[in-house]
Amino acid sequence: MEDRHDQEEIYSQRIKAGKRTYFFDVKATRGQDYYLTITESKRRLRDDDTFSYEKHKIFLYKEDFLKFVDALQDAVDYVRDELLTPEEVAELDRPRPAYDSENRDGNYNRAENGTSNGNSTY
């Protein structure tokens, strides 16, 4: 297995979601084989009043991208169609500010709010 420092990060997007932050990072091996890491990060308070980050990571390889997206969409559709109330579905469907694709800090911003540099430190 390759050393972690030999992996080239090609793309990164951060999504803040309440107490959690999700990172979507596209990376390449030295052989230019592409894969995606999805990381969930949660800030935790330690007993000594300092903070640590609890992380869970999924490695998704290019040959599995379509199967993963299909299964994720099926699961989301099931929750929406079978488990949520009409009010909950309406809340999910309510209009939100357009996502600025240049703004990769995970926030939904309108153009007048500017953009960030896309750095994702976690």
C-alpha atoms as a PDB file:
ATOM      1  CA  MET A   1       0.000   0.000   0.000  1.00  0.00           C
ATOM      2  CA  GLU A   2       1.233   3.476  -0.804  1.00  0.00           C
ATOM      3  CA  ASP A   3       2.383   5.926   1.818  1.00  0.00           C
ATOM      4  CA  ARG A   4      -0.296   8.521   2.616  1.00  0.00           C
ATOM      5  CA  HIS A   5       2.024  11.342   1.531  1.00  0.00           C
ATOM      6  CA  ASP A   6       2.377   9.867  -1.968  1.00  0.00           C
ATOM      7  CA  GLN A   7      -1.305  10.426  -2.732  1.00  0.00           C
ATOM      8  CA  GLU A   8      -2.092  13.486  -4.811  1.00  0.00           C
ATOM      9  CA  GLU A   9      -5.226  15.393  -3.811  1.00  0.00           C
ATOM     10  CA  ILE A  10      -6.980  16.633  -6.944  1.00  0.00           C
ATOM     11  CA  TYR A  11     -10.272  18.026  -5.657  1.00  0.00           C
ATOM     12  CA  SER A  12     -11.748  18.738  -2.247  1.00  0.00           C
ATOM     13  CA  GLN A  13     -15.152  19.902  -1.058  1.00  0.00           C
ATOM     14  CA  ARG A  14     -16.285  20.510   2.520  1.00  0.00           C
ATOM     15  CA  ILE A  15     -19.912  20.423   3.627  1.00  0.00           C
ATOM     16  CA  LYS A  16     -20.849  21.667   7.078  1.00  0.00           C
ATOM     17  CA  ALA A  17     -23.919  19.896   8.436  1.00  0.00           C
ATOM     18  CA  GLY A  18     -24.766  20.873  11.996  1.00  0.00           C
ATOM     19  CA  LYS A  19     -22.253  19.298  14.370  1.00  0.00           C
ATOM     20  CA  ARG A  20     -20.685  17.305  11.568  1.00  0.00           C
ATOM     21  CA  THR A  21     -18.498  18.233   8.635  1.00  0.00           C
ATOM     22  CA  TYR A  22     -18.207  16.045   5.547  1.00  0.00           C
ATOM     23  CA  PHE A  23     -15.199  16.116   3.242  1.00  0.00           C
ATOM     24  CA  PHE A  24     -15.237  14.785  -0.315  1.00  0.00           C
ATOM     25  CA  ASP A  25     -11.693  14.413  -1.615  1.00  0.00           C
ATOM     26  CA  VAL A  26     -10.638  13.077  -4.998  1.00  0.00           C
ATOM     27  CA  LYS A  27      -7.134  11.660  -4.933  1.00  0.00           C
ATOM     28  CA  ALA A  28      -4.776   9.890  -7.297  1.00  0.00           C
ATOM     29  CA  THR A  29      -2.167   7.252  -6.669  1.00  0.00           C
ATOM     30  CA  ARG A  30       1.269   7.532  -8.235  1.00  0.00           C
ATOM     31  CA  GLY A  31      -0.087   5.377 -11.050  1.00  0.00           C
ATOM     32  CA  GLN A  32      -2.891   7.909 -11.691  1.00  0.00           C
ATOM     33  CA  ASP A  33      -5.591   5.594 -10.384  1.00  0.00           C
ATOM     34  CA  TYR A  34      -8.381   7.803  -9.010  1.00  0.00           C
ATOM     35  CA  TYR A  35     -10.459   7.312  -5.907  1.00  0.00           C
ATOM     36  CA  LEU A  36     -12.709   9.277  -3.583  1.00  0.00           C
ATOM     37  CA  THR A  37     -12.498   9.564   0.175  1.00  0.00           C
ATOM     38  CA  ILE A  38     -15.599  10.612   2.092  1.00  0.00           C
ATOM     39  CA  THR A  39     -14.811  11.700   5.631  1.00  0.00           C
ATOM     40  CA  GLU A  40     -17.240  12.521   8.415  1.00  0.00           C
ATOM     41  CA  SER A  41     -15.620  14.641  11.113  1.00  0.00           C
ATOM     42  CA  LYS A  42     -17.180  15.483  14.491  1.00  0.00           C
ATOM     43  CA  ARG A  43     -15.622  17.755  17.094  1.00  0.00           C
ATOM     44  CA  ARG A  44     -15.632  16.182  20.566  1.00  0.00           C
ATOM     45  CA  LEU A  45     -14.929  17.719  23.969  1.00  0.00           C
ATOM     46  CA  ARG A  46     -12.407  15.708  25.990  1.00  0.00           C
ATOM     47  CA  ASP A  47     -12.483  15.284  29.755  1.00  0.00           C
ATOM     48  CA  ASP A  48      -9.695  17.874  30.078  1.00  0.00           C
ATOM     49  CA  ASP A  49     -11.820  20.503  28.235  1.00  0.00           C
ATOM     50  CA  THR A  50      -9.763  20.290  25.042  1.00  0.00           C
ATOM     51  CA  PHE A  51     -11.192  19.276  21.680  1.00  0.00           C
ATOM     52  CA  SER A  52     -10.473  16.335  19.447  1.00  0.00           C
ATOM     53  CA  TYR A  53     -11.963  15.264  16.137  1.00  0.00           C
ATOM     54  CA  GLU A  54     -13.616  11.908  15.636  1.00  0.00           C
ATOM     55  CA  LYS A  55     -13.305  10.859  11.993  1.00  0.00           C
ATOM     56  CA  HIS A  56     -14.883   8.122   9.929  1.00  0.00           C
ATOM     57  CA  LYS A  57     -13.633   7.587   6.409  1.00  0.00           C
ATOM     58  CA  ILE A  58     -14.857   5.677   3.357  1.00  0.00           C
ATOM     59  CA  PHE A  59     -12.552   4.942   0.434  1.00  0.00           C
ATOM     60  CA  LEU A  60     -14.452   4.625  -2.814  1.00  0.00           C
ATOM     61  CA  TYR A  61     -12.625   3.387  -5.882  1.00  0.00           C
ATOM     62  CA  LYS A  62     -13.500   4.526  -9.399  1.00  0.00           C
ATOM     63  CA  GLU A  63     -14.836   1.137 -10.484  1.00  0.00           C
ATOM     64  CA  ASP A  64     -17.470   1.389  -7.738  1.00  0.00           C
ATOM     65  CA  PHE A  65     -18.587   5.024  -8.260  1.00  0.00           C
ATOM     66  CA  LEU A  66     -21.762   4.268 -10.231  1.00  0.00           C
ATOM     67  CA  LYS A  67     -22.842   1.400  -7.974  1.00  0.00           C
ATOM     68  CA  PHE A  68     -22.332   3.618  -4.922  1.00  0.00           C
ATOM     69  CA  VAL A  69     -24.269   6.562  -6.389  1.00  0.00           C
ATOM     70  CA  ASP A  70     -27.129   4.255  -7.446  1.00  0.00           C
ATOM     71  CA  ALA A  71     -27.345   2.635  -3.996  1.00  0.00           C
ATOM     72  CA  LEU A  72     -27.181   6.023  -2.255  1.00  0.00           C
ATOM     73  CA  GLN A  73     -29.966   7.399  -4.454  1.00  0.00           C
ATOM     74  CA  ASP A  74     -32.089   4.293  -3.831  1.00  0.00           C
ATOM     75  CA  ALA A  75     -31.652   4.686  -0.061  1.00  0.00           C
ATOM     76  CA  VAL A  76     -32.488   8.407  -0.165  1.00  0.00           C
ATOM     77  CA  ASP A  77     -35.547   7.735  -2.328  1.00  0.00           C
ATOM     78  CA  TYR A  78     -36.713   5.034   0.098  1.00  0.00           C
ATOM     79  CA  VAL A  79     -36.441   7.378   3.080  1.00  0.00           C
ATOM     80  CA  ARG A  80     -38.266  10.165   1.218  1.00  0.00           C
ATOM     81  CA  ASP A  81     -40.995   7.942  -0.216  1.00  0.00           C
ATOM     82  CA  GLU A  82     -41.578   5.482   2.627  1.00  0.00           C
ATOM     83  CA  LEU A  83     -40.461   7.033   5.905  1.00  0.00           C
ATOM     84  CA  LEU A  84     -40.857  10.811   5.834  1.00  0.00           C
ATOM     85  CA  THR A  85     -44.074  12.741   6.309  1.00  0.00           C
ATOM     86  CA  PRO A  86     -45.228  15.066   3.506  1.00  0.00           C
ATOM     87  CA  GLU A  87     -44.156  18.001   5.697  1.00  0.00           C
ATOM     88  CA  GLU A  88     -40.631  16.619   6.065  1.00  0.00           C
ATOM     89  CA  VAL A  89     -40.373  16.054   2.306  1.00  0.00           C
ATOM     90  CA  ALA A  90     -41.598  19.622   1.691  1.00  0.00           C
ATOM     91  CA  GLU A  91     -38.861  20.927   4.014  1.00  0.00           C
ATOM     92  CA  LEU A  92     -36.237  18.958   2.095  1.00  0.00           C
ATOM     93  CA  ASP A  93     -37.592  20.321  -1.184  1.00  0.00           C
ATOM     94  CA  ARG A  94     -37.795  23.984  -0.135  1.00  0.00           C
ATOM     95  CA  PRO A  95     -35.663  26.340  -2.218  1.00  0.00           C
ATOM     96  CA  ARG A  96     -32.208  27.116  -0.873  1.00  0.00           C
ATOM     97  CA  PRO A  97     -29.602  29.610  -2.043  1.00  0.00           C
ATOM     98  CA  ALA A  98     -27.741  28.386  -5.099  1.00  0.00           C
ATOM     99  CA  TYR A  99     -24.472  26.631  -4.387  1.00  0.00           C
ATOM    100  CA  ASP A 100     -21.511  28.448  -5.867  1.00  0.00           C
ATOM    101  CA  SER A 101     -19.334  25.718  -7.378  1.00  0.00           C
ATOM    102  CA  GLU A 102     -16.229  27.884  -6.902  1.00  0.00           C
ATOM    103  CA  ASN A 103     -16.987  28.039  -3.166  1.00  0.00           C
ATOM    104  CA  ARG A 104     -15.792  24.726  -1.826  1.00  0.00           C
ATOM    105  CA  ASP A 105     -16.010  25.640   1.844  1.00  0.00           C
ATOM    106  CA  GLY A 106     -19.284  23.764   2.138  1.00  0.00           C
ATOM    107  CA  ASN A 107     -21.472  26.787   2.664  1.00  0.00           C
ATOM    108  CA  TYR A 108     -24.362  27.751   0.490  1.00  0.00           C
ATOM    109  CA  ASN A 109     -23.576  31.321  -0.499  1.00  0.00           C
ATOM    110  CA  ARG A 110     -25.004  33.758  -2.951  1.00  0.00           C
ATOM    111  CA  ALA A 111     -22.537  35.312  -5.375  1.00  0.00           C
ATOM    112  CA  GLU A 112     -22.350  38.559  -3.389  1.00  0.00           C
ATOM    113  CA  ASN A 113     -20.814  36.686  -0.460  1.00  0.00           C
ATOM    114  CA  GLY A 114     -17.656  35.904  -2.429  1.00  0.00           C
ATOM    115  CA  THR A 115     -15.732  32.676  -2.618  1.00  0.00           C
ATOM    116  CA  SER A 116     -13.086  30.916  -0.602  1.00  0.00           C
ATOM    117  CA  ASN A 117      -9.847  29.330  -1.620  1.00  0.00           C
ATOM    118  CA  GLY A 118     -11.179  25.780  -1.237  1.00  0.00           C
ATOM    119  CA  ASN A 119      -8.649  24.670   1.381  1.00  0.00           C
ATOM    120  CA  SER A 120      -9.940  21.873   3.545  1.00  0.00           C
ATOM    121  CA  THR A 121      -8.076  21.302   6.756  1.00  0.00           C
ATOM    122  CA  TYR A 122      -9.476  18.527   8.898  1.00  0.00           C
END
